[in-house]
Every structure is written in structure tokens, then in C-alpha cells.
Amino acid sequence: MRRRRSVVAGEDGSAALEFLTVGVLMLVPLVYVVLALGEIQSQALGVESAARFAARTIASGQADPDRVLQPVTGEYGIDDFEAQVSCLPTRDVCPAAGSTVQVTVTARVALPLVPPVLGLERLAVLPVEATSLQKVSSYWESR
């Protein structure tokens, strides 16, 4: 005995097309989210690395922090950044023996594939900030 399927007119052969359409509509935003999160993570790692390296360099007294930040931020592709250096507790000389050096680096991450139309490129920017603390040796001398 053979059973007959009732075929509704207009419903045959479109499952593959529907599957591909829904797949593409879901895949494109997912790829964009992955690209955006990758860019943000890259900049966050760069800012954190720059803050940590600058704090270590200042605490050890090896080099000027401005010269140290440029290669590190350049390696991660960070163009627009600000760095603030402070010492805790606050003294006349920074860094001083026994103090703690605090370096804060802030950058702005532009989201990928945002067109420069109607000022969207200025709105699609996220701030990323990292702070690093490093203890200065109590035997440290200013050089």
C-alpha cells in the first residue's frame, strides 16, 4: 500500500533557500561581533601591556616612560592614547624610594567597518583603560 502525501501548492523545494537565507542573515552579524570583539581585545591587551611595562620601567629607573610607551603601543597598533603617571604617597619627587608608581594608559578603540558618514565614526568608539601599580625599591636612587 502506498500512501500519498498531500502537497500544498507553493511549498515544494524552498527549504534549501530558506536555510541559506537564514544562515547568511545570522552569520553576518556574528562575524561582525567576532571582528569587533577581536579589535577591542587587541587594544585592551596593548593598553594593559603598555601600562605594566611603563610602571616596571619607571620603578626600576631604567628609561624615560614616554620612550617606553611608544614602541609598546606601536606594536599593538594603538595610535591615540593618553598616559598618566603618579606616585603613591604623593611626594615632591616621583618616583621616590619606597613609593608606589601608578601608570594609567587610556586608548580609544574604533569599531571596524563603520563608515565615515554622518559622524558615525566618532560615535562608534569605545574607551579602553588599564592601570598598573609597581612598588619602587626602598634602596632606589633617583638618576
C-alpha atoms as a PDB file:
ATOM      1  CA  MET A   1       0.000   0.000   0.000  1.00  0.00           C
ATOM      2  CA  ARG A   2       1.281   3.345  -0.950  1.00  0.00           C
ATOM      3  CA  ARG A   3       0.438   6.416   0.966  1.00  0.00           C
ATOM      4  CA  ARG A   4       0.018   9.645  -0.848  1.00  0.00           C
ATOM      5  CA  ARG A   5       1.390  12.825   0.594  1.00  0.00           C
ATOM      6  CA  SER A   6      -0.662  15.846   0.144  1.00  0.00           C
ATOM      7  CA  VAL A   7       1.471  18.575  -1.339  1.00  0.00           C
ATOM      8  CA  VAL A   8       0.427  22.099  -0.666  1.00  0.00           C
ATOM      9  CA  ALA A   9       0.943  24.287  -3.677  1.00  0.00           C
ATOM     10  CA  GLY A  10       3.964  26.611  -3.416  1.00  0.00           C
ATOM     11  CA  GLU A  11       5.690  24.721  -0.572  1.00  0.00           C
ATOM     12  CA  ASP A  12       7.880  22.343  -2.506  1.00  0.00           C
ATOM     13  CA  GLY A  13      11.633  22.882  -2.932  1.00  0.00           C
ATOM     14  CA  SER A  14      12.155  26.056  -0.891  1.00  0.00           C
ATOM     15  CA  ALA A  15      13.711  24.585   2.277  1.00  0.00           C
ATOM     16  CA  ALA A  16      17.269  24.902   0.975  1.00  0.00           C
ATOM     17  CA  LEU A  17      16.758  28.527   0.015  1.00  0.00           C
ATOM     18  CA  GLU A  18      15.211  29.338   3.395  1.00  0.00           C
ATOM     19  CA  PHE A  19      18.055  27.585   5.197  1.00  0.00           C
ATOM     20  CA  LEU A  20      20.701  29.522   3.259  1.00  0.00           C
ATOM     21  CA  THR A  21      18.930  32.855   3.728  1.00  0.00           C
ATOM     22  CA  VAL A  22      18.522  32.430   7.479  1.00  0.00           C
ATOM     23  CA  GLY A  23      22.086  31.137   7.740  1.00  0.00           C
ATOM     24  CA  VAL A  24      23.523  34.181   5.979  1.00  0.00           C
ATOM     25  CA  LEU A  25      21.323  36.580   7.947  1.00  0.00           C
ATOM     26  CA  MET A  26      22.614  35.076  11.199  1.00  0.00           C
ATOM     27  CA  LEU A  27      26.213  34.620  10.092  1.00  0.00           C
ATOM     28  CA  VAL A  28      26.926  38.202   9.003  1.00  0.00           C
ATOM     29  CA  PRO A  29      26.158  39.817  12.408  1.00  0.00           C
ATOM     30  CA  LEU A  30      28.011  37.024  14.185  1.00  0.00           C
ATOM     31  CA  VAL A  31      31.132  37.619  12.075  1.00  0.00           C
ATOM     32  CA  TYR A  32      30.920  41.361  12.797  1.00  0.00           C
ATOM     33  CA  VAL A  33      30.642  40.728  16.552  1.00  0.00           C
ATOM     34  CA  VAL A  34      33.701  38.469  16.401  1.00  0.00           C
ATOM     35  CA  LEU A  35      35.668  41.126  14.478  1.00  0.00           C
ATOM     36  CA  ALA A  36      34.638  43.896  16.876  1.00  0.00           C
ATOM     37  CA  LEU A  37      35.441  41.859  19.982  1.00  0.00           C
ATOM     38  CA  GLY A  38      38.796  40.877  18.491  1.00  0.00           C
ATOM     39  CA  GLU A  39      39.692  44.532  17.892  1.00  0.00           C
ATOM     40  CA  ILE A  40      38.606  45.540  21.395  1.00  0.00           C
ATOM     41  CA  GLN A  41      40.545  42.659  22.963  1.00  0.00           C
ATOM     42  CA  SER A  42      43.663  43.528  20.960  1.00  0.00           C
ATOM     43  CA  GLN A  43      43.570  47.152  22.105  1.00  0.00           C
ATOM     44  CA  ALA A  44      42.836  46.112  25.707  1.00  0.00           C
ATOM     45  CA  LEU A  45      45.866  43.821  25.723  1.00  0.00           C
ATOM     46  CA  GLY A  46      48.018  46.575  24.233  1.00  0.00           C
ATOM     47  CA  VAL A  47      46.914  49.155  26.788  1.00  0.00           C
ATOM     48  CA  GLU A  48      47.444  46.723  29.663  1.00  0.00           C
ATOM     49  CA  SER A  49      50.876  45.757  28.359  1.00  0.00           C
ATOM     50  CA  ALA A  50      51.895  49.402  27.934  1.00  0.00           C
ATOM     51  CA  ALA A  51      50.781  50.325  31.462  1.00  0.00           C
ATOM     52  CA  ARG A  52      52.552  47.347  33.037  1.00  0.00           C
ATOM     53  CA  PHE A  53      55.772  47.863  31.082  1.00  0.00           C
ATOM     54  CA  ALA A  54      55.871  51.601  31.791  1.00  0.00           C
ATOM     55  CA  ALA A  55      55.293  51.047  35.522  1.00  0.00           C
ATOM     56  CA  ARG A  56      58.088  48.473  35.677  1.00  0.00           C
ATOM     57  CA  THR A  57      60.444  50.723  33.756  1.00  0.00           C
ATOM     58  CA  ILE A  58      59.761  53.746  35.955  1.00  0.00           C
ATOM     59  CA  ALA A  59      60.058  51.723  39.158  1.00  0.00           C
ATOM     60  CA  SER A  60      63.401  50.282  38.100  1.00  0.00           C
ATOM     61  CA  GLY A  61      64.630  53.664  36.831  1.00  0.00           C
ATOM     62  CA  GLN A  62      65.857  52.257  33.537  1.00  0.00           C
ATOM     63  CA  ALA A  63      64.357  54.641  30.995  1.00  0.00           C
ATOM     64  CA  ASP A  64      62.018  57.526  30.357  1.00  0.00           C
ATOM     65  CA  PRO A  65      58.372  56.328  30.338  1.00  0.00           C
ATOM     66  CA  ASP A  66      57.498  58.297  27.195  1.00  0.00           C
ATOM     67  CA  ARG A  67      60.189  56.486  25.219  1.00  0.00           C
ATOM     68  CA  VAL A  68      58.982  53.161  26.613  1.00  0.00           C
ATOM     69  CA  LEU A  69      55.313  53.640  25.716  1.00  0.00           C
ATOM     70  CA  GLN A  70      55.832  54.420  22.022  1.00  0.00           C
ATOM     71  CA  PRO A  71      57.226  51.007  20.931  1.00  0.00           C
ATOM     72  CA  VAL A  72      54.720  49.044  23.033  1.00  0.00           C
ATOM     73  CA  THR A  73      51.683  50.934  21.759  1.00  0.00           C
ATOM     74  CA  GLY A  74      53.052  50.838  18.223  1.00  0.00           C
ATOM     75  CA  GLU A  75      53.368  47.066  18.389  1.00  0.00           C
ATOM     76  CA  TYR A  76      49.667  46.726  19.231  1.00  0.00           C
ATOM     77  CA  GLY A  77      48.584  49.374  16.713  1.00  0.00           C
ATOM     78  CA  ILE A  78      47.400  51.905  19.292  1.00  0.00           C
ATOM     79  CA  ASP A  79      47.599  55.368  17.761  1.00  0.00           C
ATOM     80  CA  ASP A  80      45.549  57.558  20.084  1.00  0.00           C
ATOM     81  CA  PHE A  81      46.432  57.035  23.747  1.00  0.00           C
ATOM     82  CA  GLU A  82      46.994  59.021  26.928  1.00  0.00           C
ATOM     83  CA  ALA A  83      49.277  58.062  29.801  1.00  0.00           C
ATOM     84  CA  GLN A  84      49.214  59.365  33.358  1.00  0.00           C
ATOM     85  CA  VAL A  85      51.947  58.652  35.886  1.00  0.00           C
ATOM     86  CA  SER A  86      51.543  59.267  39.603  1.00  0.00           C
ATOM     87  CA  CYS A  87      53.222  58.166  42.810  1.00  0.00           C
ATOM     88  CA  LEU A  88      51.580  56.981  45.997  1.00  0.00           C
ATOM     89  CA  PRO A  89      52.041  58.512  48.534  1.00  0.00           C
ATOM     90  CA  THR A  90      52.391  61.885  46.825  1.00  0.00           C
ATOM     91  CA  ARG A  91      55.849  63.389  47.267  1.00  0.00           C
ATOM     92  CA  ASP A  92      57.961  66.093  45.677  1.00  0.00           C
ATOM     93  CA  VAL A  93      59.981  63.590  43.658  1.00  0.00           C
ATOM     94  CA  CYS A  94      58.283  60.912  41.625  1.00  0.00           C
ATOM     95  CA  PRO A  95      59.321  58.131  41.846  1.00  0.00           C
ATOM     96  CA  ALA A  96      60.860  58.087  45.295  1.00  0.00           C
ATOM     97  CA  ALA A  97      62.311  55.216  47.294  1.00  0.00           C
ATOM     98  CA  GLY A  98      59.556  53.122  48.862  1.00  0.00           C
ATOM     99  CA  SER A  99      56.720  54.714  46.897  1.00  0.00           C
ATOM    100  CA  THR A 100      54.323  53.004  44.526  1.00  0.00           C
ATOM    101  CA  VAL A 101      54.247  54.070  40.883  1.00  0.00           C
ATOM    102  CA  GLN A 102      50.813  54.116  39.272  1.00  0.00           C
ATOM    103  CA  VAL A 103      50.589  54.265  35.477  1.00  0.00           C
ATOM    104  CA  THR A 104      47.218  54.617  33.754  1.00  0.00           C
ATOM    105  CA  VAL A 105      47.003  54.273  29.982  1.00  0.00           C
ATOM    106  CA  THR A 106      43.768  55.129  28.158  1.00  0.00           C
ATOM    107  CA  ALA A 107      43.039  54.491  24.478  1.00  0.00           C
ATOM    108  CA  ARG A 108      40.038  54.765  22.191  1.00  0.00           C
ATOM    109  CA  VAL A 109      39.059  51.751  20.077  1.00  0.00           C
ATOM    110  CA  ALA A 110      37.220  52.387  16.810  1.00  0.00           C
ATOM    111  CA  LEU A 111      34.801  49.643  15.839  1.00  0.00           C
ATOM    112  CA  PRO A 112      35.636  48.013  12.491  1.00  0.00           C
ATOM    113  CA  LEU A 113      33.739  48.662   9.256  1.00  0.00           C
ATOM    114  CA  VAL A 114      31.974  51.818  10.464  1.00  0.00           C
ATOM    115  CA  PRO A 115      31.705  54.264   7.551  1.00  0.00           C
ATOM    116  CA  PRO A 116      32.630  57.929   7.975  1.00  0.00           C
ATOM    117  CA  VAL A 117      29.071  59.077   7.285  1.00  0.00           C
ATOM    118  CA  LEU A 118      27.073  61.479   9.470  1.00  0.00           C
ATOM    119  CA  GLY A 119      29.695  61.331  12.211  1.00  0.00           C
ATOM    120  CA  LEU A 120      29.220  57.612  12.870  1.00  0.00           C
ATOM    121  CA  GLU A 121      32.983  57.078  13.147  1.00  0.00           C
ATOM    122  CA  ARG A 122      33.042  59.389  16.186  1.00  0.00           C
ATOM    123  CA  LEU A 123      30.153  57.565  17.857  1.00  0.00           C
ATOM    124  CA  ALA A 124      31.482  54.053  17.257  1.00  0.00           C
ATOM    125  CA  VAL A 125      34.469  54.447  19.585  1.00  0.00           C
ATOM    126  CA  LEU A 126      34.961  52.680  22.913  1.00  0.00           C
ATOM    127  CA  PRO A 127      37.378  53.785  25.639  1.00  0.00           C
ATOM    128  CA  VAL A 128      39.798  51.176  26.995  1.00  0.00           C
ATOM    129  CA  GLU A 129      41.807  51.831  30.162  1.00  0.00           C
ATOM    130  CA  ALA A 130      44.431  49.921  32.126  1.00  0.00           C
ATOM    131  CA  THR A 131      46.175  50.778  35.379  1.00  0.00           C
ATOM    132  CA  SER A 132      49.335  49.200  36.707  1.00  0.00           C
ATOM    133  CA  LEU A 133      50.984  49.622  40.102  1.00  0.00           C
ATOM    134  CA  GLN A 134      54.629  48.880  40.775  1.00  0.00           C
ATOM    135  CA  LYS A 135      56.484  49.196  44.065  1.00  0.00           C
ATOM    136  CA  VAL A 136      59.738  51.164  43.952  1.00  0.00           C
ATOM    137  CA  SER A 137      62.612  49.642  45.898  1.00  0.00           C
ATOM    138  CA  SER A 138      63.369  51.284  49.231  1.00  0.00           C
ATOM    139  CA  TYR A 139      67.032  51.417  48.132  1.00  0.00           C
ATOM    140  CA  TRP A 140      66.196  53.218  44.888  1.00  0.00           C
ATOM    141  CA  GLU A 141      68.163  56.352  43.990  1.00  0.00           C
ATOM    142  CA  SER A 142      66.998  58.959  41.512  1.00  0.00           C
ATOM    143  CA  ARG A 143      69.244  59.040  38.451  1.00  0.00           C
END
